[in-house]
């Protein structure tokens, strides 16, 4: 029986604000966006694990690329692009009436705190964890193990939703059910099917 539904945040509740950031970096550094994304991955992931601050990530990356742009200006682009996706909050509020809801997100501390100030995740979800708090990202089981421990639920009693297939591997290996988000309507449909199947299984038990 499903007791807990965990949501990724970026690309599901919040629009992907890294795309405008990468565009700004590509322009400032006179590089292609593909090169920017490839070159900044390691530093960005270190900030998400809480090993360095978000500002240090940007400062070190610009230095690495021999770019004299002000880190604050690039991070401001990221902040201005932080917008909520239409309809997801309403879906989560509806689900919350029947199930516990949590979030798991790859965020640096400063990034998360700003997003929470704008979106108030702490009010929408029952609980959740960001990568900087877990010192691990969604590709690692640690984040999900902490959520399962907090709610005292088994992996098979949980669904995790993410828009990236690579982030579904670790929770699936733990035994959690997973759904890859493509669109809001697709998510509603898959959730309905999954929860209906679980209810049927419970009724027969």
N, C-alpha and C. Protein backbone atom coordinates (compact mmCIF):
# COMPACT_ATOMS: atom_id res chain seq x y z
N UNK A 1 0.84 -1.20 0.00
CA UNK A 1 0.00 0.00 0.00
C UNK A 1 0.88 1.26 0.00
N UNK A 2 0.61 2.16 -0.89
CA UNK A 2 1.39 3.39 -0.97
C UNK A 2 1.03 4.33 0.19
N UNK A 3 2.07 4.81 0.88
CA UNK A 3 1.88 5.73 1.99
C UNK A 3 2.54 7.09 1.75
N UNK A 4 3.56 7.10 0.88
CA UNK A 4 4.35 8.32 0.70
C UNK A 4 4.64 8.54 -0.79
N UNK A 5 4.48 9.80 -1.23
CA UNK A 5 4.82 10.17 -2.61
C UNK A 5 5.85 11.30 -2.54
N UNK A 6 7.00 11.04 -3.18
CA UNK A 6 8.12 11.99 -3.15
C UNK A 6 8.25 12.67 -4.51
N UNK A 7 8.36 13.98 -4.49
CA UNK A 7 8.49 14.76 -5.72
C UNK A 7 9.87 15.38 -5.85
N UNK A 8 10.44 15.27 -7.04
CA UNK A 8 11.54 16.15 -7.42
C UNK A 8 10.93 17.55 -7.54
N UNK A 9 11.74 18.60 -7.44
CA UNK A 9 11.21 19.95 -7.53
C UNK A 9 11.49 20.61 -8.88
N UNK A 10 12.77 20.63 -9.28
CA UNK A 10 13.14 21.29 -10.54
C UNK A 10 12.57 20.58 -11.75
N UNK A 11 11.85 21.30 -12.58
CA UNK A 11 11.26 20.71 -13.78
C UNK A 11 9.88 20.11 -13.55
N UNK A 12 9.44 20.11 -12.28
CA UNK A 12 8.11 19.58 -11.96
C UNK A 12 7.27 20.62 -11.23
N UNK A 13 7.79 21.14 -10.13
CA UNK A 13 7.11 22.23 -9.41
C UNK A 13 7.67 23.60 -9.83
N UNK A 14 8.97 23.61 -10.12
CA UNK A 14 9.66 24.85 -10.50
C UNK A 14 10.23 24.70 -11.91
N UNK A 15 10.09 25.73 -12.72
CA UNK A 15 10.66 25.71 -14.07
C UNK A 15 12.18 25.60 -13.99
N UNK A 16 12.78 25.02 -15.01
CA UNK A 16 14.23 24.81 -15.02
C UNK A 16 14.97 26.13 -15.21
N UNK A 17 15.39 26.72 -14.10
CA UNK A 17 16.05 28.02 -14.16
C UNK A 17 17.54 27.92 -14.51
N UNK A 18 18.06 26.68 -14.61
CA UNK A 18 19.46 26.52 -15.01
C UNK A 18 19.65 26.81 -16.51
N UNK A 19 18.60 26.63 -17.30
CA UNK A 19 18.72 26.89 -18.74
C UNK A 19 19.06 28.35 -19.02
N UNK A 20 18.33 29.33 -18.44
CA UNK A 20 18.72 30.74 -18.62
C UNK A 20 20.11 31.03 -18.06
N UNK A 21 20.47 30.35 -16.96
CA UNK A 21 21.80 30.54 -16.38
C UNK A 21 22.89 30.06 -17.35
N UNK A 22 22.68 28.89 -17.94
CA UNK A 22 23.64 28.37 -18.91
C UNK A 22 23.73 29.28 -20.14
N UNK A 23 22.60 29.81 -20.55
CA UNK A 23 22.58 30.75 -21.69
C UNK A 23 23.42 31.99 -21.38
N UNK A 24 23.25 32.51 -20.16
CA UNK A 24 24.01 33.71 -19.74
C UNK A 24 25.50 33.40 -19.66
N UNK A 25 25.85 32.22 -19.17
CA UNK A 25 27.25 31.83 -19.08
C UNK A 25 27.86 31.64 -20.46
N UNK A 26 27.08 31.03 -21.36
CA UNK A 26 27.57 30.82 -22.72
C UNK A 26 27.89 32.15 -23.39
N UNK A 27 27.04 33.12 -23.18
CA UNK A 27 27.24 34.45 -23.77
C UNK A 27 28.44 35.15 -23.12
N UNK A 28 28.52 35.09 -21.80
CA UNK A 28 29.61 35.77 -21.08
C UNK A 28 30.97 35.15 -21.38
N UNK A 29 30.99 33.82 -21.56
CA UNK A 29 32.26 33.11 -21.77
C UNK A 29 32.57 32.85 -23.24
N UNK A 30 31.65 33.24 -24.12
CA UNK A 30 31.81 33.01 -25.57
C UNK A 30 32.05 31.53 -25.87
N UNK A 31 31.23 30.69 -25.24
CA UNK A 31 31.30 29.24 -25.44
C UNK A 31 29.91 28.72 -25.76
N UNK A 32 29.83 27.52 -26.31
CA UNK A 32 28.52 26.93 -26.56
C UNK A 32 27.90 26.48 -25.24
N UNK A 33 26.58 26.39 -25.22
CA UNK A 33 25.89 25.97 -23.99
C UNK A 33 26.27 24.54 -23.62
N UNK A 34 26.51 23.69 -24.61
CA UNK A 34 26.91 22.31 -24.33
C UNK A 34 28.24 22.26 -23.59
N UNK A 35 29.18 23.10 -24.02
CA UNK A 35 30.49 23.15 -23.34
C UNK A 35 30.33 23.68 -21.92
N UNK A 36 29.51 24.71 -21.77
CA UNK A 36 29.27 25.29 -20.44
C UNK A 36 28.72 24.23 -19.49
N UNK A 37 27.70 23.50 -19.92
CA UNK A 37 27.08 22.48 -19.07
C UNK A 37 28.07 21.39 -18.70
N UNK A 38 28.86 20.97 -19.68
CA UNK A 38 29.84 19.91 -19.45
C UNK A 38 30.92 20.36 -18.47
N UNK A 39 31.41 21.58 -18.66
CA UNK A 39 32.53 22.08 -17.86
C UNK A 39 32.13 22.44 -16.42
N UNK A 40 30.87 22.79 -16.22
CA UNK A 40 30.48 23.24 -14.87
C UNK A 40 29.89 22.13 -14.01
N UNK A 41 29.70 20.94 -14.58
CA UNK A 41 29.03 19.85 -13.86
C UNK A 41 29.68 19.53 -12.52
N UNK A 42 30.98 19.35 -12.51
CA UNK A 42 31.67 18.94 -11.28
C UNK A 42 31.51 19.98 -10.17
N UNK A 43 31.75 21.26 -10.49
CA UNK A 43 31.64 22.32 -9.49
C UNK A 43 30.19 22.50 -9.04
N UNK A 44 29.27 22.39 -9.97
CA UNK A 44 27.85 22.54 -9.64
C UNK A 44 27.41 21.42 -8.69
N UNK A 45 27.85 20.21 -8.94
CA UNK A 45 27.50 19.08 -8.08
C UNK A 45 28.14 19.21 -6.70
N UNK A 46 29.32 19.79 -6.64
CA UNK A 46 29.96 20.02 -5.34
C UNK A 46 29.15 21.02 -4.51
N UNK A 47 28.60 22.04 -5.18
CA UNK A 47 27.75 23.00 -4.45
C UNK A 47 26.46 22.33 -4.00
N UNK A 48 25.94 21.43 -4.82
CA UNK A 48 24.70 20.74 -4.46
C UNK A 48 24.90 19.79 -3.28
N UNK A 49 26.12 19.28 -3.14
CA UNK A 49 26.42 18.40 -1.99
C UNK A 49 26.79 19.20 -0.73
N UNK A 50 26.85 20.52 -0.86
CA UNK A 50 27.19 21.35 0.29
C UNK A 50 28.68 21.44 0.56
N UNK A 51 29.51 21.03 -0.41
CA UNK A 51 30.96 21.07 -0.24
C UNK A 51 31.50 22.49 -0.45
N UNK A 52 30.84 23.25 -1.33
CA UNK A 52 31.17 24.66 -1.56
C UNK A 52 29.85 25.42 -1.68
N UNK A 53 29.90 26.74 -1.53
CA UNK A 53 28.67 27.53 -1.64
C UNK A 53 28.31 27.70 -3.12
N UNK A 54 27.09 28.15 -3.34
CA UNK A 54 26.65 28.42 -4.71
C UNK A 54 27.52 29.52 -5.34
N UNK A 55 27.86 30.54 -4.56
CA UNK A 55 28.70 31.63 -5.06
C UNK A 55 30.10 31.11 -5.40
N UNK A 56 30.65 30.26 -4.55
CA UNK A 56 31.98 29.68 -4.82
C UNK A 56 31.97 28.84 -6.09
N UNK A 57 30.88 28.10 -6.30
CA UNK A 57 30.73 27.34 -7.55
C UNK A 57 30.83 28.27 -8.75
N UNK A 58 30.08 29.36 -8.73
CA UNK A 58 30.07 30.27 -9.87
C UNK A 58 31.40 31.00 -10.02
N UNK A 59 31.96 31.44 -8.91
CA UNK A 59 33.24 32.15 -8.93
C UNK A 59 34.35 31.26 -9.50
N UNK A 60 34.41 30.02 -9.01
CA UNK A 60 35.45 29.09 -9.47
C UNK A 60 35.26 28.69 -10.93
N UNK A 61 34.00 28.56 -11.33
CA UNK A 61 33.74 28.19 -12.72
C UNK A 61 34.15 29.30 -13.69
N UNK A 62 33.80 30.53 -13.37
CA UNK A 62 34.17 31.66 -14.22
C UNK A 62 35.69 31.80 -14.30
N UNK A 63 36.36 31.55 -13.20
CA UNK A 63 37.83 31.59 -13.19
C UNK A 63 38.39 30.49 -14.07
N UNK A 64 37.80 29.31 -13.98
CA UNK A 64 38.22 28.17 -14.79
C UNK A 64 38.08 28.46 -16.28
N UNK A 65 37.02 29.20 -16.63
CA UNK A 65 36.75 29.52 -18.03
C UNK A 65 37.44 30.82 -18.48
N UNK A 66 38.24 31.41 -17.57
CA UNK A 66 38.94 32.68 -17.86
C UNK A 66 37.95 33.76 -18.29
N UNK A 67 36.84 33.79 -17.57
CA UNK A 67 35.77 34.75 -17.86
C UNK A 67 35.69 35.77 -16.72
N UNK A 68 35.65 37.03 -17.04
CA UNK A 68 35.68 38.09 -16.04
C UNK A 68 34.28 38.57 -15.60
N UNK A 69 33.26 37.84 -15.98
CA UNK A 69 31.90 38.21 -15.59
C UNK A 69 31.75 38.14 -14.06
N UNK A 70 30.91 39.00 -13.51
CA UNK A 70 30.63 39.02 -12.07
C UNK A 70 29.75 37.82 -11.72
N UNK A 71 30.19 36.95 -10.80
CA UNK A 71 29.36 35.78 -10.41
C UNK A 71 27.97 36.18 -9.96
N UNK A 72 27.85 37.32 -9.28
CA UNK A 72 26.55 37.77 -8.77
C UNK A 72 25.56 38.03 -9.91
N UNK A 73 26.06 38.52 -11.04
CA UNK A 73 25.18 38.80 -12.17
C UNK A 73 24.60 37.51 -12.77
N UNK A 74 25.43 36.49 -12.84
CA UNK A 74 24.96 35.20 -13.38
C UNK A 74 23.95 34.56 -12.41
N UNK A 75 24.23 34.63 -11.12
CA UNK A 75 23.31 34.07 -10.14
C UNK A 75 22.00 34.85 -10.09
N UNK A 76 22.07 36.13 -10.42
CA UNK A 76 20.85 36.94 -10.48
C UNK A 76 19.96 36.47 -11.63
N UNK A 77 20.57 36.04 -12.73
CA UNK A 77 19.81 35.48 -13.85
C UNK A 77 19.07 34.23 -13.39
N UNK A 78 19.77 33.41 -12.62
CA UNK A 78 19.18 32.19 -12.07
C UNK A 78 17.99 32.52 -11.17
N UNK A 79 18.15 33.54 -10.32
CA UNK A 79 17.08 33.91 -9.40
C UNK A 79 15.85 34.44 -10.15
N UNK A 80 16.08 35.29 -11.12
CA UNK A 80 14.96 35.89 -11.86
C UNK A 80 14.19 34.84 -12.67
N UNK A 81 14.85 33.73 -13.00
CA UNK A 81 14.20 32.68 -13.79
C UNK A 81 13.46 31.67 -12.91
N UNK A 82 13.50 31.87 -11.59
CA UNK A 82 12.83 30.95 -10.66
C UNK A 82 11.33 31.21 -10.67
N UNK A 83 10.61 30.34 -11.36
CA UNK A 83 9.16 30.49 -11.49
C UNK A 83 8.47 29.14 -11.28
N UNK A 84 7.29 29.21 -10.70
CA UNK A 84 6.54 27.98 -10.43
C UNK A 84 5.81 27.51 -11.67
N UNK A 85 5.83 26.20 -11.89
CA UNK A 85 5.11 25.61 -13.02
C UNK A 85 3.62 25.55 -12.71
N UNK A 86 2.82 25.80 -13.69
CA UNK A 86 1.37 25.85 -13.51
C UNK A 86 0.78 24.48 -13.22
N UNK A 87 -0.03 24.39 -12.18
CA UNK A 87 -0.84 23.21 -11.91
C UNK A 87 -0.25 22.18 -10.96
N UNK A 88 1.07 22.19 -10.78
CA UNK A 88 1.69 21.15 -9.95
C UNK A 88 1.34 21.31 -8.47
N UNK A 89 1.36 22.52 -7.98
CA UNK A 89 1.04 22.76 -6.57
C UNK A 89 -0.37 22.25 -6.24
N UNK A 90 -1.30 22.51 -7.13
CA UNK A 90 -2.68 22.05 -6.91
C UNK A 90 -2.76 20.53 -6.85
N UNK A 91 -1.97 19.87 -7.70
CA UNK A 91 -1.95 18.41 -7.69
C UNK A 91 -1.39 17.90 -6.37
N UNK A 92 -0.29 18.49 -5.91
CA UNK A 92 0.33 18.06 -4.66
C UNK A 92 -0.62 18.28 -3.48
N UNK A 93 -1.30 19.41 -3.46
CA UNK A 93 -2.26 19.69 -2.39
C UNK A 93 -3.40 18.67 -2.38
N UNK A 94 -3.82 18.24 -3.55
CA UNK A 94 -4.88 17.23 -3.67
C UNK A 94 -4.39 15.88 -3.16
N UNK A 95 -3.17 15.51 -3.55
CA UNK A 95 -2.58 14.24 -3.12
C UNK A 95 -2.37 14.21 -1.61
N UNK A 96 -2.01 15.36 -1.06
CA UNK A 96 -1.71 15.49 0.36
C UNK A 96 -2.90 15.16 1.25
N UNK A 97 -4.09 15.22 0.71
CA UNK A 97 -5.29 14.90 1.49
C UNK A 97 -5.37 13.41 1.81
N UNK A 98 -4.65 12.59 1.01
CA UNK A 98 -4.74 11.13 1.16
C UNK A 98 -3.41 10.44 1.43
N UNK A 99 -2.30 11.10 1.11
CA UNK A 99 -0.97 10.51 1.26
C UNK A 99 0.00 11.53 1.87
N UNK A 100 1.06 11.03 2.48
CA UNK A 100 2.15 11.91 2.88
C UNK A 100 2.91 12.33 1.61
N UNK A 101 3.35 13.58 1.57
CA UNK A 101 4.11 14.04 0.40
C UNK A 101 5.44 14.64 0.87
N UNK A 102 6.49 14.35 0.13
CA UNK A 102 7.82 14.84 0.46
C UNK A 102 8.51 15.32 -0.81
N UNK A 103 9.63 16.01 -0.63
CA UNK A 103 10.42 16.42 -1.79
C UNK A 103 11.86 15.94 -1.63
N UNK A 104 12.52 15.74 -2.76
CA UNK A 104 13.95 15.44 -2.83
C UNK A 104 14.49 16.29 -3.97
N UNK A 105 15.47 17.13 -3.69
CA UNK A 105 15.94 18.05 -4.71
C UNK A 105 17.45 18.25 -4.66
N UNK A 106 18.06 18.40 -5.82
CA UNK A 106 19.48 18.74 -5.91
C UNK A 106 19.62 20.26 -5.89
N UNK A 107 19.98 20.79 -4.73
CA UNK A 107 20.12 22.25 -4.57
C UNK A 107 21.31 22.57 -3.68
N UNK A 108 22.03 23.64 -4.04
CA UNK A 108 22.98 24.24 -3.10
C UNK A 108 22.18 24.93 -2.01
N UNK A 109 22.81 25.21 -0.89
CA UNK A 109 22.08 25.78 0.25
C UNK A 109 21.41 27.12 -0.10
N UNK A 110 22.18 28.04 -0.70
CA UNK A 110 21.65 29.36 -1.01
C UNK A 110 20.53 29.27 -2.06
N UNK A 111 20.72 28.39 -3.00
CA UNK A 111 19.72 28.15 -4.05
C UNK A 111 18.43 27.65 -3.42
N UNK A 112 18.55 26.67 -2.52
CA UNK A 112 17.38 26.09 -1.88
C UNK A 112 16.65 27.11 -1.01
N UNK A 113 17.42 27.85 -0.23
CA UNK A 113 16.79 28.82 0.68
C UNK A 113 16.03 29.90 -0.07
N UNK A 114 16.57 30.33 -1.21
CA UNK A 114 15.85 31.31 -2.02
C UNK A 114 14.58 30.69 -2.60
N UNK A 115 14.71 29.49 -3.14
CA UNK A 115 13.55 28.81 -3.74
C UNK A 115 12.45 28.58 -2.71
N UNK A 116 12.86 28.19 -1.50
CA UNK A 116 11.87 27.95 -0.44
C UNK A 116 11.18 29.24 -0.03
N UNK A 117 11.92 30.33 -0.04
CA UNK A 117 11.35 31.64 0.29
C UNK A 117 10.27 32.03 -0.72
N UNK A 118 10.52 31.71 -1.99
CA UNK A 118 9.59 32.05 -3.07
C UNK A 118 8.42 31.06 -3.12
N UNK A 119 8.73 29.77 -3.01
CA UNK A 119 7.73 28.72 -3.23
C UNK A 119 7.13 28.14 -1.96
N UNK A 120 7.80 28.33 -0.81
CA UNK A 120 7.36 27.80 0.48
C UNK A 120 7.12 26.29 0.42
N UNK A 121 8.19 25.56 0.07
CA UNK A 121 8.13 24.11 0.07
C UNK A 121 7.78 23.58 1.46
N UNK A 122 8.28 24.27 2.49
CA UNK A 122 8.07 23.81 3.86
C UNK A 122 6.59 23.83 4.25
N UNK A 123 5.78 24.61 3.56
CA UNK A 123 4.35 24.66 3.82
C UNK A 123 3.58 23.67 2.94
N UNK A 124 4.12 23.42 1.75
CA UNK A 124 3.42 22.54 0.80
C UNK A 124 3.61 21.06 1.12
N UNK A 125 4.83 20.69 1.50
CA UNK A 125 5.15 19.28 1.73
C UNK A 125 5.15 18.95 3.22
N UNK A 126 4.98 17.67 3.52
CA UNK A 126 5.06 17.21 4.91
C UNK A 126 6.50 17.25 5.41
N UNK A 127 7.42 17.01 4.51
CA UNK A 127 8.85 17.04 4.83
C UNK A 127 9.62 16.87 3.53
N UNK A 128 10.91 17.09 3.58
CA UNK A 128 11.73 16.87 2.40
C UNK A 128 13.18 17.14 2.70
N UNK A 129 14.03 16.85 1.73
CA UNK A 129 15.46 17.04 1.94
C UNK A 129 16.11 17.50 0.63
N UNK A 130 17.07 18.40 0.78
CA UNK A 130 17.85 18.87 -0.36
C UNK A 130 19.23 18.24 -0.30
N UNK A 131 19.89 18.18 -1.44
CA UNK A 131 21.18 17.50 -1.52
C UNK A 131 22.24 18.13 -0.61
N UNK A 132 22.19 19.45 -0.41
CA UNK A 132 23.19 20.08 0.46
C UNK A 132 23.02 19.63 1.90
N UNK A 133 21.80 19.25 2.29
CA UNK A 133 21.55 18.75 3.64
C UNK A 133 21.99 17.30 3.78
N UNK A 134 21.73 16.51 2.75
CA UNK A 134 22.07 15.08 2.78
C UNK A 134 23.53 14.83 2.43
N UNK A 135 24.19 15.85 1.84
CA UNK A 135 25.56 15.70 1.31
C UNK A 135 25.60 14.56 0.30
N UNK A 136 24.52 14.46 -0.46
CA UNK A 136 24.39 13.44 -1.50
C UNK A 136 23.33 13.92 -2.49
N UNK A 137 23.45 13.46 -3.73
CA UNK A 137 22.51 13.86 -4.76
C UNK A 137 21.51 12.74 -5.02
N UNK A 138 20.54 13.00 -5.90
CA UNK A 138 19.46 12.04 -6.15
C UNK A 138 19.93 10.78 -6.88
N UNK A 139 21.15 10.82 -7.40
CA UNK A 139 21.70 9.62 -8.04
C UNK A 139 22.25 8.64 -6.99
N UNK A 140 22.21 9.05 -5.73
CA UNK A 140 22.72 8.23 -4.63
C UNK A 140 21.57 7.84 -3.70
N UNK A 141 21.64 6.65 -3.11
CA UNK A 141 20.53 6.18 -2.26
C UNK A 141 20.37 6.94 -0.95
N UNK A 142 21.41 7.62 -0.48
CA UNK A 142 21.39 8.25 0.84
C UNK A 142 20.21 9.19 1.04
N UNK A 143 19.92 10.03 0.03
CA UNK A 143 18.81 10.98 0.15
C UNK A 143 17.50 10.26 0.43
N UNK A 144 17.27 9.19 -0.30
CA UNK A 144 16.00 8.46 -0.19
C UNK A 144 15.93 7.66 1.10
N UNK A 145 17.06 7.15 1.54
CA UNK A 145 17.10 6.41 2.80
C UNK A 145 16.73 7.33 3.97
N UNK A 146 17.17 8.59 3.90
CA UNK A 146 16.83 9.54 4.97
C UNK A 146 15.34 9.87 4.97
N UNK A 147 14.75 9.96 3.78
CA UNK A 147 13.31 10.24 3.70
C UNK A 147 12.51 9.06 4.22
N UNK A 148 12.89 7.86 3.83
CA UNK A 148 12.20 6.65 4.29
C UNK A 148 12.29 6.54 5.82
N UNK A 149 13.46 6.85 6.36
CA UNK A 149 13.67 6.80 7.81
C UNK A 149 12.80 7.83 8.52
N UNK A 150 12.71 9.04 7.95
CA UNK A 150 11.91 10.10 8.57
C UNK A 150 10.44 9.72 8.66
N UNK A 151 9.90 9.14 7.57
CA UNK A 151 8.48 8.81 7.53
C UNK A 151 8.17 7.41 8.06
N UNK A 152 9.25 6.65 8.35
CA UNK A 152 9.09 5.27 8.85
C UNK A 152 8.26 4.42 7.88
N UNK A 153 8.61 4.49 6.61
CA UNK A 153 7.92 3.70 5.59
C UNK A 153 8.93 2.80 4.87
N UNK A 154 8.40 1.77 4.23
CA UNK A 154 9.23 0.85 3.45
C UNK A 154 9.35 1.39 2.01
N UNK A 155 10.41 1.03 1.31
CA UNK A 155 10.58 1.50 -0.08
C UNK A 155 9.38 1.18 -0.96
N UNK A 156 8.82 -0.02 -0.79
CA UNK A 156 7.69 -0.44 -1.63
C UNK A 156 6.40 0.31 -1.31
N UNK A 157 6.40 1.09 -0.24
CA UNK A 157 5.24 1.90 0.12
C UNK A 157 5.38 3.34 -0.39
N UNK A 158 6.34 3.51 -1.29
CA UNK A 158 6.72 4.86 -1.73
C UNK A 158 6.78 4.98 -3.24
N UNK A 159 6.40 6.15 -3.75
CA UNK A 159 6.55 6.49 -5.17
C UNK A 159 7.45 7.72 -5.26
N UNK A 160 8.43 7.68 -6.16
CA UNK A 160 9.27 8.85 -6.41
C UNK A 160 9.06 9.33 -7.83
N UNK A 161 8.89 10.65 -7.98
CA UNK A 161 8.62 11.27 -9.28
C UNK A 161 9.74 12.23 -9.63
N UNK A 162 10.32 12.06 -10.82
CA UNK A 162 11.41 12.95 -11.27
C UNK A 162 11.33 13.07 -12.78
N UNK A 163 11.78 14.21 -13.31
CA UNK A 163 11.75 14.39 -14.76
C UNK A 163 12.98 13.81 -15.45
N UNK A 164 13.98 13.37 -14.67
CA UNK A 164 15.21 12.82 -15.23
C UNK A 164 15.30 11.32 -14.95
N UNK A 165 15.49 10.53 -15.99
CA UNK A 165 15.54 9.07 -15.84
C UNK A 165 16.71 8.63 -14.95
N UNK A 166 17.84 9.34 -15.02
CA UNK A 166 19.01 8.93 -14.23
C UNK A 166 18.77 9.08 -12.73
N UNK A 167 17.84 9.97 -12.35
CA UNK A 167 17.53 10.15 -10.93
C UNK A 167 16.57 9.10 -10.39
N UNK A 168 16.04 8.26 -11.28
CA UNK A 168 15.11 7.22 -10.86
C UNK A 168 15.82 5.91 -10.52
N UNK A 169 17.09 5.80 -10.90
CA UNK A 169 17.83 4.55 -10.75
C UNK A 169 18.04 4.17 -9.28
N UNK A 170 18.55 5.11 -8.47
CA UNK A 170 18.83 4.81 -7.05
C UNK A 170 17.57 4.44 -6.26
N UNK A 171 16.48 5.23 -6.36
CA UNK A 171 15.27 4.85 -5.61
C UNK A 171 14.67 3.53 -6.09
N UNK A 172 14.76 3.29 -7.39
CA UNK A 172 14.23 2.03 -7.93
C UNK A 172 15.03 0.84 -7.39
N UNK A 173 16.35 1.02 -7.26
CA UNK A 173 17.20 -0.03 -6.71
C UNK A 173 16.88 -0.32 -5.24
N UNK A 174 16.38 0.69 -4.54
CA UNK A 174 15.98 0.50 -3.14
C UNK A 174 14.65 -0.23 -3.02
N UNK A 175 13.90 -0.30 -4.13
CA UNK A 175 12.60 -0.96 -4.12
C UNK A 175 11.42 -0.03 -4.21
N UNK A 176 11.70 1.26 -4.43
CA UNK A 176 10.63 2.24 -4.56
C UNK A 176 10.03 2.20 -5.96
N UNK A 177 8.76 2.53 -6.07
CA UNK A 177 8.15 2.70 -7.38
C UNK A 177 8.53 4.08 -7.91
N UNK A 178 8.67 4.21 -9.21
CA UNK A 178 9.10 5.48 -9.78
C UNK A 178 8.25 5.86 -10.99
N UNK A 179 8.13 7.17 -11.21
CA UNK A 179 7.44 7.70 -12.38
C UNK A 179 8.31 8.81 -12.97
N UNK A 180 8.59 8.73 -14.26
CA UNK A 180 9.31 9.81 -14.92
C UNK A 180 8.32 10.85 -15.41
N UNK A 181 8.48 12.07 -14.92
CA UNK A 181 7.58 13.17 -15.28
C UNK A 181 7.87 13.66 -16.70
N UNK A 182 6.82 13.70 -17.52
CA UNK A 182 6.92 14.25 -18.88
C UNK A 182 6.04 15.49 -18.99
N UNK A 183 4.84 15.37 -18.46
CA UNK A 183 3.90 16.50 -18.43
C UNK A 183 2.97 16.32 -17.24
N UNK A 184 2.26 17.36 -16.88
CA UNK A 184 1.35 17.28 -15.74
C UNK A 184 0.23 16.27 -15.99
N UNK A 185 -0.33 16.28 -17.20
CA UNK A 185 -1.42 15.36 -17.52
C UNK A 185 -0.93 13.92 -17.52
N UNK A 186 0.28 13.70 -18.04
CA UNK A 186 0.86 12.35 -18.05
C UNK A 186 1.09 11.87 -16.62
N UNK A 187 1.56 12.77 -15.75
CA UNK A 187 1.80 12.41 -14.35
C UNK A 187 0.49 12.05 -13.65
N UNK A 188 -0.53 12.85 -13.85
CA UNK A 188 -1.84 12.56 -13.25
C UNK A 188 -2.34 11.19 -13.68
N UNK A 189 -2.18 10.88 -14.96
CA UNK A 189 -2.64 9.61 -15.51
C UNK A 189 -1.87 8.44 -14.91
N UNK A 190 -0.54 8.56 -14.84
CA UNK A 190 0.28 7.47 -14.31
C UNK A 190 0.08 7.28 -12.81
N UNK A 191 -0.09 8.38 -12.10
CA UNK A 191 -0.36 8.28 -10.67
C UNK A 191 -1.69 7.58 -10.42
N UNK A 192 -2.69 7.94 -11.19
CA UNK A 192 -4.01 7.34 -11.05
C UNK A 192 -3.94 5.83 -11.29
N UNK A 193 -3.22 5.43 -12.32
CA UNK A 193 -3.07 4.00 -12.65
C UNK A 193 -2.31 3.27 -11.55
N UNK A 194 -1.22 3.85 -11.10
CA UNK A 194 -0.38 3.21 -10.08
C UNK A 194 -1.12 3.07 -8.76
N UNK A 195 -1.77 4.14 -8.33
CA UNK A 195 -2.49 4.10 -7.05
C UNK A 195 -3.71 3.20 -7.11
N UNK A 196 -4.37 3.16 -8.26
CA UNK A 196 -5.52 2.26 -8.44
C UNK A 196 -5.07 0.81 -8.36
N UNK A 197 -3.93 0.51 -8.97
CA UNK A 197 -3.37 -0.84 -8.95
C UNK A 197 -3.01 -1.25 -7.53
N UNK A 198 -2.43 -0.32 -6.77
CA UNK A 198 -2.05 -0.59 -5.38
C UNK A 198 -3.27 -0.83 -4.51
N UNK A 199 -4.33 -0.05 -4.73
CA UNK A 199 -5.56 -0.21 -3.95
C UNK A 199 -6.20 -1.56 -4.23
N UNK A 200 -6.16 -1.98 -5.49
CA UNK A 200 -6.71 -3.27 -5.89
C UNK A 200 -5.93 -4.40 -5.23
N UNK A 201 -4.60 -4.27 -5.22
CA UNK A 201 -3.74 -5.27 -4.60
C UNK A 201 -4.00 -5.37 -3.11
N UNK A 202 -4.20 -4.21 -2.46
CA UNK A 202 -4.47 -4.17 -1.02
C UNK A 202 -5.81 -4.81 -0.68
N UNK A 203 -6.80 -4.56 -1.53
CA UNK A 203 -8.14 -5.12 -1.31
C UNK A 203 -8.13 -6.63 -1.38
N UNK A 204 -7.26 -7.18 -2.24
CA UNK A 204 -7.20 -8.63 -2.44
C UNK A 204 -6.39 -9.32 -1.35
N UNK A 205 -5.55 -8.52 -0.68
CA UNK A 205 -4.65 -9.11 0.36
C UNK A 205 -5.45 -9.59 1.58
